[in-house]
Amino acid sequence: METSALYQKIHRLPLSKQQVVSDYVEFLLSKSRKRPAKKPHPRAGYMKGTLIYMSDDFNEPLDDFKEYM
């Protein structure tokens, strides 16, 4: 559709309907604007090898839970 034909159709509408068309055009424009790219979620294991220190008894049972064992 040519721009002039669209303009003529909109121009024949009552002012209240022209406002509705204008609002809808703004809505369509806002949907088509580029949004910033989202950063991808880190994958499992991406931090592997970055741990600097881990206690030697890391996997040992905690003293707080001895009564339950």
N, C-alpha and C. Protein backbone atom coordinates (compact mmCIF):
# COMPACT_ATOMS: atom_id res chain seq x y z
N MET A 1 0.85 -1.17 0.00
CA MET A 1 0.00 0.00 0.00
C MET A 1 0.90 1.24 0.00
N GLU A 2 0.54 2.17 -0.82
CA GLU A 2 1.31 3.41 -0.89
C GLU A 2 1.02 4.29 0.32
N THR A 3 1.99 5.08 0.68
CA THR A 3 1.85 5.96 1.83
C THR A 3 0.73 6.96 1.63
N SER A 4 0.61 7.50 0.42
CA SER A 4 -0.44 8.50 0.17
C SER A 4 -1.83 7.89 0.29
N ALA A 5 -2.01 6.65 -0.15
CA ALA A 5 -3.32 5.98 -0.03
C ALA A 5 -3.66 5.75 1.44
N LEU A 6 -2.66 5.35 2.20
CA LEU A 6 -2.88 5.14 3.63
C LEU A 6 -3.21 6.46 4.32
N TYR A 7 -2.49 7.49 3.97
CA TYR A 7 -2.76 8.82 4.54
C TYR A 7 -4.19 9.27 4.25
N GLN A 8 -4.64 9.05 3.02
CA GLN A 8 -5.99 9.46 2.64
C GLN A 8 -7.04 8.70 3.44
N LYS A 9 -6.82 7.42 3.65
CA LYS A 9 -7.77 6.63 4.44
C LYS A 9 -7.82 7.12 5.89
N ILE A 10 -6.65 7.37 6.45
CA ILE A 10 -6.59 7.85 7.84
C ILE A 10 -7.24 9.22 7.94
N HIS A 11 -7.01 10.08 6.94
CA HIS A 11 -7.54 11.44 6.94
C HIS A 11 -9.07 11.44 6.91
N ARG A 12 -9.69 10.42 6.33
CA ARG A 12 -11.15 10.35 6.27
C ARG A 12 -11.77 9.89 7.59
N LEU A 13 -10.98 9.38 8.49
CA LEU A 13 -11.50 8.91 9.79
C LEU A 13 -11.80 10.09 10.70
N PRO A 14 -12.73 9.90 11.64
CA PRO A 14 -12.95 10.94 12.65
C PRO A 14 -11.69 11.10 13.51
N LEU A 15 -11.55 12.26 14.13
CA LEU A 15 -10.33 12.54 14.90
C LEU A 15 -10.08 11.51 16.00
N SER A 16 -11.13 11.04 16.63
CA SER A 16 -10.94 10.05 17.71
C SER A 16 -10.35 8.76 17.16
N LYS A 17 -10.77 8.37 15.95
CA LYS A 17 -10.23 7.15 15.33
C LYS A 17 -8.81 7.39 14.82
N GLN A 18 -8.52 8.60 14.39
CA GLN A 18 -7.16 8.92 13.97
C GLN A 18 -6.20 8.78 15.15
N GLN A 19 -6.67 9.16 16.34
CA GLN A 19 -5.84 9.02 17.54
C GLN A 19 -5.58 7.54 17.83
N VAL A 20 -6.59 6.71 17.63
CA VAL A 20 -6.43 5.26 17.83
C VAL A 20 -5.39 4.72 16.86
N VAL A 21 -5.46 5.15 15.61
CA VAL A 21 -4.48 4.72 14.61
C VAL A 21 -3.08 5.18 15.01
N SER A 22 -2.98 6.42 15.45
CA SER A 22 -1.68 6.95 15.87
C SER A 22 -1.11 6.15 17.05
N ASP A 23 -1.96 5.84 18.01
CA ASP A 23 -1.51 5.04 19.16
C ASP A 23 -1.03 3.66 18.72
N TYR A 24 -1.77 3.06 17.79
CA TYR A 24 -1.39 1.73 17.31
C TYR A 24 -0.07 1.77 16.55
N VAL A 25 0.13 2.82 15.76
CA VAL A 25 1.40 2.97 15.04
C VAL A 25 2.55 3.11 16.03
N GLU A 26 2.35 3.89 17.09
CA GLU A 26 3.38 4.01 18.13
C GLU A 26 3.67 2.67 18.79
N PHE A 27 2.63 1.90 19.04
CA PHE A 27 2.80 0.56 19.61
C PHE A 27 3.63 -0.31 18.68
N LEU A 28 3.30 -0.31 17.39
CA LEU A 28 4.05 -1.12 16.43
C LEU A 28 5.51 -0.67 16.34
N LEU A 29 5.73 0.63 16.38
CA LEU A 29 7.10 1.14 16.33
C LEU A 29 7.89 0.72 17.57
N SER A 30 7.25 0.75 18.72
CA SER A 30 7.96 0.36 19.95
C SER A 30 8.30 -1.12 19.93
N LYS A 31 7.45 -1.95 19.32
CA LYS A 31 7.72 -3.38 19.24
C LYS A 31 8.86 -3.67 18.27
N SER A 32 9.04 -2.81 17.26
CA SER A 32 10.05 -3.09 16.24
C SER A 32 11.42 -2.50 16.57
N ARG A 33 11.48 -1.64 17.61
CA ARG A 33 12.78 -1.08 18.00
C ARG A 33 13.67 -2.18 18.52
N LYS A 34 14.93 -2.06 18.21
CA LYS A 34 15.87 -3.08 18.66
C LYS A 34 16.09 -2.96 20.16
N ARG A 35 16.04 -4.10 20.81
CA ARG A 35 16.31 -4.16 22.24
C ARG A 35 17.75 -4.61 22.43
N PRO A 36 18.36 -4.21 23.53
CA PRO A 36 19.74 -4.66 23.77
C PRO A 36 19.78 -6.18 23.85
N ALA A 37 20.82 -6.74 23.30
CA ALA A 37 20.96 -8.19 23.30
C ALA A 37 21.16 -8.69 24.73
N LYS A 38 20.47 -9.77 25.04
CA LYS A 38 20.61 -10.36 26.36
C LYS A 38 21.89 -11.17 26.42
N LYS A 39 22.54 -11.10 27.57
CA LYS A 39 23.73 -11.91 27.76
C LYS A 39 23.29 -13.36 27.94
N PRO A 40 23.99 -14.28 27.30
CA PRO A 40 23.60 -15.68 27.46
C PRO A 40 23.86 -16.15 28.89
N HIS A 41 23.03 -17.05 29.34
CA HIS A 41 23.22 -17.61 30.67
C HIS A 41 24.48 -18.46 30.68
N PRO A 42 25.25 -18.39 31.76
CA PRO A 42 26.46 -19.22 31.81
C PRO A 42 26.09 -20.69 31.81
N ARG A 43 26.91 -21.47 31.14
CA ARG A 43 26.67 -22.90 31.09
C ARG A 43 27.27 -23.56 32.32
N ALA A 44 26.75 -24.73 32.65
CA ALA A 44 27.25 -25.48 33.80
C ALA A 44 28.73 -25.77 33.59
N GLY A 45 29.51 -25.52 34.63
CA GLY A 45 30.93 -25.81 34.59
C GLY A 45 31.80 -24.70 34.04
N TYR A 46 31.23 -23.56 33.74
CA TYR A 46 32.04 -22.50 33.14
C TYR A 46 33.06 -21.91 34.12
N MET A 47 32.88 -22.15 35.44
CA MET A 47 33.83 -21.65 36.43
C MET A 47 34.86 -22.71 36.84
N LYS A 48 34.85 -23.85 36.17
CA LYS A 48 35.75 -24.93 36.53
C LYS A 48 37.20 -24.44 36.48
N GLY A 49 37.92 -24.77 37.54
CA GLY A 49 39.33 -24.39 37.61
C GLY A 49 39.58 -23.01 38.17
N THR A 50 38.55 -22.28 38.56
CA THR A 50 38.76 -20.93 39.08
C THR A 50 38.78 -20.88 40.60
N LEU A 51 38.43 -21.98 41.27
CA LEU A 51 38.44 -22.00 42.72
C LEU A 51 39.88 -22.01 43.21
N ILE A 52 40.22 -21.08 44.05
CA ILE A 52 41.59 -20.94 44.50
C ILE A 52 41.88 -21.80 45.73
N TYR A 53 40.95 -21.82 46.69
CA TYR A 53 41.21 -22.55 47.92
C TYR A 53 39.96 -23.30 48.36
N MET A 54 40.16 -24.57 48.75
CA MET A 54 39.08 -25.34 49.34
C MET A 54 39.68 -26.13 50.50
N SER A 55 39.03 -26.10 51.62
CA SER A 55 39.50 -26.79 52.81
C SER A 55 39.64 -28.29 52.55
N ASP A 56 40.63 -28.93 53.19
CA ASP A 56 40.83 -30.37 53.01
C ASP A 56 39.65 -31.18 53.53
N ASP A 57 38.92 -30.67 54.51
CA ASP A 57 37.80 -31.41 55.07
C ASP A 57 36.45 -30.93 54.49
N PHE A 58 36.48 -30.41 53.31
CA PHE A 58 35.27 -29.87 52.69
C PHE A 58 34.15 -30.92 52.61
N ASN A 59 34.47 -32.14 52.26
CA ASN A 59 33.47 -33.19 52.08
C ASN A 59 33.16 -33.96 53.37
N GLU A 60 33.79 -33.61 54.45
CA GLU A 60 33.54 -34.29 55.72
C GLU A 60 32.21 -33.84 56.31
N PRO A 61 31.55 -34.73 57.08
CA PRO A 61 30.28 -34.33 57.71
C PRO A 61 30.49 -33.18 58.69
N LEU A 62 29.50 -32.34 58.80
CA LEU A 62 29.57 -31.21 59.72
C LEU A 62 29.30 -31.69 61.15
N ASP A 63 29.98 -31.07 62.11
CA ASP A 63 29.81 -31.43 63.52
C ASP A 63 28.37 -31.21 63.98
N ASP A 64 27.69 -30.24 63.41
CA ASP A 64 26.33 -29.95 63.80
C ASP A 64 25.36 -31.11 63.53
N PHE A 65 25.71 -32.00 62.62
CA PHE A 65 24.81 -33.08 62.23
C PHE A 65 25.24 -34.45 62.76
N LYS A 66 26.25 -34.49 63.63
CA LYS A 66 26.73 -35.77 64.14
C LYS A 66 25.65 -36.55 64.88
N GLU A 67 24.77 -35.89 65.62
CA GLU A 67 23.74 -36.59 66.38
C GLU A 67 22.72 -37.26 65.46
N TYR A 68 22.63 -36.86 64.21
CA TYR A 68 21.67 -37.46 63.29
C TYR A 68 22.26 -38.62 62.51
N MET A 69 23.54 -38.86 62.63
CA MET A 69 24.19 -39.91 61.84
C MET A 69 24.32 -41.19 62.63
